[in-house]
Amino acid sequence: MKNSLYTFYFIVLGIVSFFTREIVTFVMLGAILIALTNIHTTLKQILKVNQDKDK
């Protein structure tokens, strides 16, 4: 996924949370999204290193 798509998700969550008055939920979902993105990126890097090592 591209970073622009994550930005789009973040903006949509922000708009929804503003109208529903659930700002804390917005912050927590944003933190979870960032954490999952970091985990995904790290796992992709580990996979690439392991694949390069096997060659």
PDB file of N, CA and C in Angstrom:
ATOM      1  N   MET A   1       0.837  -1.187   0.000  1.00  0.00           N
ATOM      2  CA  MET A   1       0.000   0.000   0.000  1.00  0.00           C
ATOM      3  C   MET A   1       0.879   1.247   0.000  1.00  0.00           C
ATOM      4  N   LYS A   2       0.325   2.259  -0.517  1.00  0.00           N
ATOM      5  CA  LYS A   2       1.049   3.525  -0.583  1.00  0.00           C
ATOM      6  C   LYS A   2       0.740   4.368   0.649  1.00  0.00           C
ATOM      7  N   ASN A   3       1.645   5.281   0.951  1.00  0.00           N
ATOM      8  CA  ASN A   3       1.431   6.177   2.081  1.00  0.00           C
ATOM      9  C   ASN A   3       0.243   7.099   1.851  1.00  0.00           C
ATOM     10  N   SER A   4      -0.040   7.409   0.595  1.00  0.00           N
ATOM     11  CA  SER A   4      -1.180   8.277   0.307  1.00  0.00           C
ATOM     12  C   SER A   4      -2.493   7.599   0.683  1.00  0.00           C
ATOM     13  N   LEU A   5      -2.547   6.275   0.532  1.00  0.00           N
ATOM     14  CA  LEU A   5      -3.747   5.547   0.934  1.00  0.00           C
ATOM     15  C   LEU A   5      -3.924   5.581   2.447  1.00  0.00           C
ATOM     16  N   TYR A   6      -2.828   5.465   3.191  1.00  0.00           N
ATOM     17  CA  TYR A   6      -2.909   5.573   4.644  1.00  0.00           C
ATOM     18  C   TYR A   6      -3.359   6.976   5.058  1.00  0.00           C
ATOM     19  N   THR A   7      -2.893   7.974   4.347  1.00  0.00           N
ATOM     20  CA  THR A   7      -3.319   9.345   4.632  1.00  0.00           C
ATOM     21  C   THR A   7      -4.814   9.493   4.381  1.00  0.00           C
ATOM     22  N   PHE A   8      -5.297   8.884   3.311  1.00  0.00           N
ATOM     23  CA  PHE A   8      -6.730   8.918   3.014  1.00  0.00           C
ATOM     24  C   PHE A   8      -7.526   8.262   4.141  1.00  0.00           C
ATOM     25  N   TYR A   9      -7.084   7.083   4.617  1.00  0.00           N
ATOM     26  CA  TYR A   9      -7.755   6.411   5.734  1.00  0.00           C
ATOM     27  C   TYR A   9      -7.775   7.302   6.966  1.00  0.00           C
ATOM     28  N   PHE A  10      -6.652   7.950   7.232  1.00  0.00           N
ATOM     29  CA  PHE A  10      -6.534   8.810   8.404  1.00  0.00           C
ATOM     30  C   PHE A  10      -7.513   9.981   8.316  1.00  0.00           C
ATOM     31  N   ILE A  11      -7.639  10.568   7.144  1.00  0.00           N
ATOM     32  CA  ILE A  11      -8.560  11.699   6.962  1.00  0.00           C
ATOM     33  C   ILE A  11     -10.008  11.243   7.120  1.00  0.00           C
ATOM     34  N   VAL A  12     -10.352  10.094   6.537  1.00  0.00           N
ATOM     35  CA  VAL A  12     -11.716   9.579   6.673  1.00  0.00           C
ATOM     36  C   VAL A  12     -12.035   9.293   8.133  1.00  0.00           C
ATOM     37  N   LEU A  13     -11.108   8.657   8.841  1.00  0.00           N
ATOM     38  CA  LEU A  13     -11.327   8.407  10.270  1.00  0.00           C
ATOM     39  C   LEU A  13     -11.489   9.710  11.039  1.00  0.00           C
ATOM     40  N   GLY A  14     -10.713  10.715  10.685  1.00  0.00           N
ATOM     41  CA  GLY A  14     -10.811  12.009  11.350  1.00  0.00           C
ATOM     42  C   GLY A  14     -12.153  12.679  11.139  1.00  0.00           C
ATOM     43  N   ILE A  15     -12.654  12.628   9.919  1.00  0.00           N
ATOM     44  CA  ILE A  15     -13.955  13.236   9.625  1.00  0.00           C
ATOM     45  C   ILE A  15     -15.070  12.509  10.365  1.00  0.00           C
ATOM     46  N   VAL A  16     -15.036  11.184  10.326  1.00  0.00           N
ATOM     47  CA  VAL A  16     -16.064  10.405  11.018  1.00  0.00           C
ATOM     48  C   VAL A  16     -16.015  10.656  12.524  1.00  0.00           C
ATOM     49  N   SER A  17     -14.823  10.677  13.088  1.00  0.00           N
ATOM     50  CA  SER A  17     -14.716  10.883  14.541  1.00  0.00           C
ATOM     51  C   SER A  17     -15.117  12.298  14.938  1.00  0.00           C
ATOM     52  N   PHE A  18     -14.898  13.270  14.064  1.00  0.00           N
ATOM     53  CA  PHE A  18     -15.303  14.637  14.376  1.00  0.00           C
ATOM     54  C   PHE A  18     -16.821  14.745  14.475  1.00  0.00           C
ATOM     55  N   PHE A  19     -17.517  14.126  13.535  1.00  0.00           N
ATOM     56  CA  PHE A  19     -18.976  14.209  13.537  1.00  0.00           C
ATOM     57  C   PHE A  19     -19.618  13.325  14.604  1.00  0.00           C
ATOM     58  N   THR A  20     -18.945  12.256  15.010  1.00  0.00           N
ATOM     59  CA  THR A  20     -19.496  11.391  16.051  1.00  0.00           C
ATOM     60  C   THR A  20     -18.984  11.780  17.431  1.00  0.00           C
ATOM     61  N   ARG A  21     -18.105  12.759  17.487  1.00  0.00           N
ATOM     62  CA  ARG A  21     -17.532  13.257  18.744  1.00  0.00           C
ATOM     63  C   ARG A  21     -16.733  12.188  19.498  1.00  0.00           C
ATOM     64  N   GLU A  22     -16.049  11.340  18.760  1.00  0.00           N
ATOM     65  CA  GLU A  22     -15.228  10.305  19.387  1.00  0.00           C
ATOM     66  C   GLU A  22     -13.768  10.515  19.008  1.00  0.00           C
ATOM     67  N   ILE A  23     -13.198  11.562  19.527  1.00  0.00           N
ATOM     68  CA  ILE A  23     -11.813  11.926  19.198  1.00  0.00           C
ATOM     69  C   ILE A  23     -10.830  10.905  19.767  1.00  0.00           C
ATOM     70  N   VAL A  24     -11.111  10.377  20.956  1.00  0.00           N
ATOM     71  CA  VAL A  24     -10.204   9.392  21.558  1.00  0.00           C
ATOM     72  C   VAL A  24     -10.128   8.143  20.689  1.00  0.00           C
ATOM     73  N   THR A  25     -11.254   7.726  20.152  1.00  0.00           N
ATOM     74  CA  THR A  25     -11.273   6.572  19.254  1.00  0.00           C
ATOM     75  C   THR A  25     -10.420   6.854  18.025  1.00  0.00           C
ATOM     76  N   PHE A  26     -10.512   8.059  17.504  1.00  0.00           N
ATOM     77  CA  PHE A  26      -9.714   8.455  16.346  1.00  0.00           C
ATOM     78  C   PHE A  26      -8.223   8.353  16.652  1.00  0.00           C
ATOM     79  N   VAL A  27      -7.824   8.842  17.793  1.00  0.00           N
ATOM     80  CA  VAL A  27      -6.408   8.800  18.169  1.00  0.00           C
ATOM     81  C   VAL A  27      -5.945   7.355  18.338  1.00  0.00           C
ATOM     82  N   MET A  28      -6.749   6.544  18.987  1.00  0.00           N
ATOM     83  CA  MET A  28      -6.363   5.147  19.206  1.00  0.00           C
ATOM     84  C   MET A  28      -6.309   4.372  17.888  1.00  0.00           C
ATOM     85  N   LEU A  29      -7.278   4.570  17.008  1.00  0.00           N
ATOM     86  CA  LEU A  29      -7.243   3.896  15.714  1.00  0.00           C
ATOM     87  C   LEU A  29      -6.059   4.360  14.878  1.00  0.00           C
ATOM     88  N   GLY A  30      -5.730   5.615  14.973  1.00  0.00           N
ATOM     89  CA  GLY A  30      -4.545   6.122  14.274  1.00  0.00           C
ATOM     90  C   GLY A  30      -3.275   5.478  14.794  1.00  0.00           C
ATOM     91  N   ALA A  31      -3.161   5.356  16.116  1.00  0.00           N
ATOM     92  CA  ALA A  31      -1.980   4.724  16.712  1.00  0.00           C
ATOM     93  C   ALA A  31      -1.885   3.252  16.301  1.00  0.00           C
ATOM     94  N   ILE A  32      -3.017   2.566  16.283  1.00  0.00           N
ATOM     95  CA  ILE A  32      -3.028   1.163  15.870  1.00  0.00           C
ATOM     96  C   ILE A  32      -2.634   1.035  14.402  1.00  0.00           C
ATOM     97  N   LEU A  33      -3.151   1.907  13.564  1.00  0.00           N
ATOM     98  CA  LEU A  33      -2.816   1.868  12.139  1.00  0.00           C
ATOM     99  C   LEU A  33      -1.325   2.096  11.916  1.00  0.00           C
ATOM    100  N   ILE A  34      -0.742   3.032  12.628  1.00  0.00           N
ATOM    101  CA  ILE A  34       0.690   3.302  12.505  1.00  0.00           C
ATOM    102  C   ILE A  34       1.506   2.109  12.992  1.00  0.00           C
ATOM    103  N   ALA A  35       1.102   1.513  14.113  1.00  0.00           N
ATOM    104  CA  ALA A  35       1.823   0.358  14.647  1.00  0.00           C
ATOM    105  C   ALA A  35       1.767  -0.817  13.681  1.00  0.00           C
ATOM    106  N   LEU A  36       0.598  -1.088  13.130  1.00  0.00           N
ATOM    107  CA  LEU A  36       0.472  -2.203  12.185  1.00  0.00           C
ATOM    108  C   LEU A  36       1.275  -1.957  10.915  1.00  0.00           C
ATOM    109  N   THR A  37       1.336  -0.728  10.476  1.00  0.00           N
ATOM    110  CA  THR A  37       2.142  -0.391   9.301  1.00  0.00           C
ATOM    111  C   THR A  37       3.627  -0.630   9.579  1.00  0.00           C
ATOM    112  N   ASN A  38       4.074  -0.237  10.754  1.00  0.00           N
ATOM    113  CA  ASN A  38       5.478  -0.454  11.120  1.00  0.00           C
ATOM    114  C   ASN A  38       5.802  -1.938  11.228  1.00  0.00           C
ATOM    115  N   ILE A  39       4.900  -2.725  11.804  1.00  0.00           N
ATOM    116  CA  ILE A  39       5.108  -4.167  11.905  1.00  0.00           C
ATOM    117  C   ILE A  39       5.178  -4.786  10.511  1.00  0.00           C
ATOM    118  N   HIS A  40       4.281  -4.384   9.643  1.00  0.00           N
ATOM    119  CA  HIS A  40       4.251  -4.921   8.280  1.00  0.00           C
ATOM    120  C   HIS A  40       5.550  -4.595   7.535  1.00  0.00           C
ATOM    121  N   THR A  41       6.013  -3.377   7.652  1.00  0.00           N
ATOM    122  CA  THR A  41       7.251  -2.970   6.978  1.00  0.00           C
ATOM    123  C   THR A  41       8.447  -3.756   7.510  1.00  0.00           C
ATOM    124  N   THR A  42       8.499  -3.954   8.817  1.00  0.00           N
ATOM    125  CA  THR A  42       9.599  -4.703   9.411  1.00  0.00           C
ATOM    126  C   THR A  42       9.585  -6.157   8.955  1.00  0.00           C
ATOM    127  N   LEU A  43       8.419  -6.766   8.914  1.00  0.00           N
ATOM    128  CA  LEU A  43       8.322  -8.152   8.460  1.00  0.00           C
ATOM    129  C   LEU A  43       8.726  -8.289   6.995  1.00  0.00           C
ATOM    130  N   LYS A  44       8.382  -7.326   6.173  1.00  0.00           N
ATOM    131  CA  LYS A  44       8.791  -7.358   4.768  1.00  0.00           C
ATOM    132  C   LYS A  44      10.313  -7.265   4.651  1.00  0.00           C
ATOM    133  N   GLN A  45      10.944  -6.434   5.480  1.00  0.00           N
ATOM    134  CA  GLN A  45      12.401  -6.303   5.452  1.00  0.00           C
ATOM    135  C   GLN A  45      13.068  -7.604   5.899  1.00  0.00           C
ATOM    136  N   ILE A  46      12.540  -8.235   6.934  1.00  0.00           N
ATOM    137  CA  ILE A  46      13.092  -9.503   7.417  1.00  0.00           C
ATOM    138  C   ILE A  46      12.972 -10.574   6.341  1.00  0.00           C
ATOM    139  N   LEU A  47      11.829 -10.623   5.671  1.00  0.00           N
ATOM    140  CA  LEU A  47      11.626 -11.601   4.599  1.00  0.00           C
ATOM    141  C   LEU A  47      12.626 -11.386   3.468  1.00  0.00           C
ATOM    142  N   LYS A  48      12.843 -10.138   3.116  1.00  0.00           N
ATOM    143  CA  LYS A  48      13.796  -9.840   2.038  1.00  0.00           C
ATOM    144  C   LYS A  48      15.206 -10.273   2.416  1.00  0.00           C
ATOM    145  N   VAL A  49      15.615 -10.026   3.647  1.00  0.00           N
ATOM    146  CA  VAL A  49      16.951 -10.430   4.114  1.00  0.00           C
ATOM    147  C   VAL A  49      17.074 -11.942   4.089  1.00  0.00           C
ATOM    148  N   ASN A  50      16.055 -12.642   4.550  1.00  0.00           N
ATOM    149  CA  ASN A  50      16.099 -14.104   4.558  1.00  0.00           C
ATOM    150  C   ASN A  50      16.126 -14.680   3.155  1.00  0.00           C
ATOM    151  N   GLN A  51      15.400 -14.086   2.227  1.00  0.00           N
ATOM    152  CA  GLN A  51      15.404 -14.567   0.854  1.00  0.00           C
ATOM    153  C   GLN A  51      16.758 -14.318   0.195  1.00  0.00           C
ATOM    154  N   ASP A  52      17.385 -13.172   0.496  1.00  0.00           N
ATOM    155  CA  ASP A  52      18.703 -12.874  -0.063  1.00  0.00           C
ATOM    156  C   ASP A  52      19.758 -13.807   0.510  1.00  0.00           C
ATOM    157  N   LYS A  53      19.589 -14.189   1.761  1.00  0.00           N
ATOM    158  CA  LYS A  53      20.550 -15.074   2.417  1.00  0.00           C
ATOM    159  C   LYS A  53      20.493 -16.485   1.826  1.00  0.00           C
ATOM    160  N   ASP A  54      19.313 -16.930   1.419  1.00  0.00           N
ATOM    161  CA  ASP A  54      19.147 -18.263   0.866  1.00  0.00           C
ATOM    162  C   ASP A  54      19.720 -18.412  -0.534  1.00  0.00           C
ATOM    163  N   LYS A  55      19.909 -17.347  -1.244  1.00  0.00           N
ATOM    164  CA  LYS A  55      20.400 -17.419  -2.632  1.00  0.00           C
ATOM    165  C   LYS A  55      21.864 -17.686  -2.712  1.00  0.00           C
TER     166      LYS A  55
END
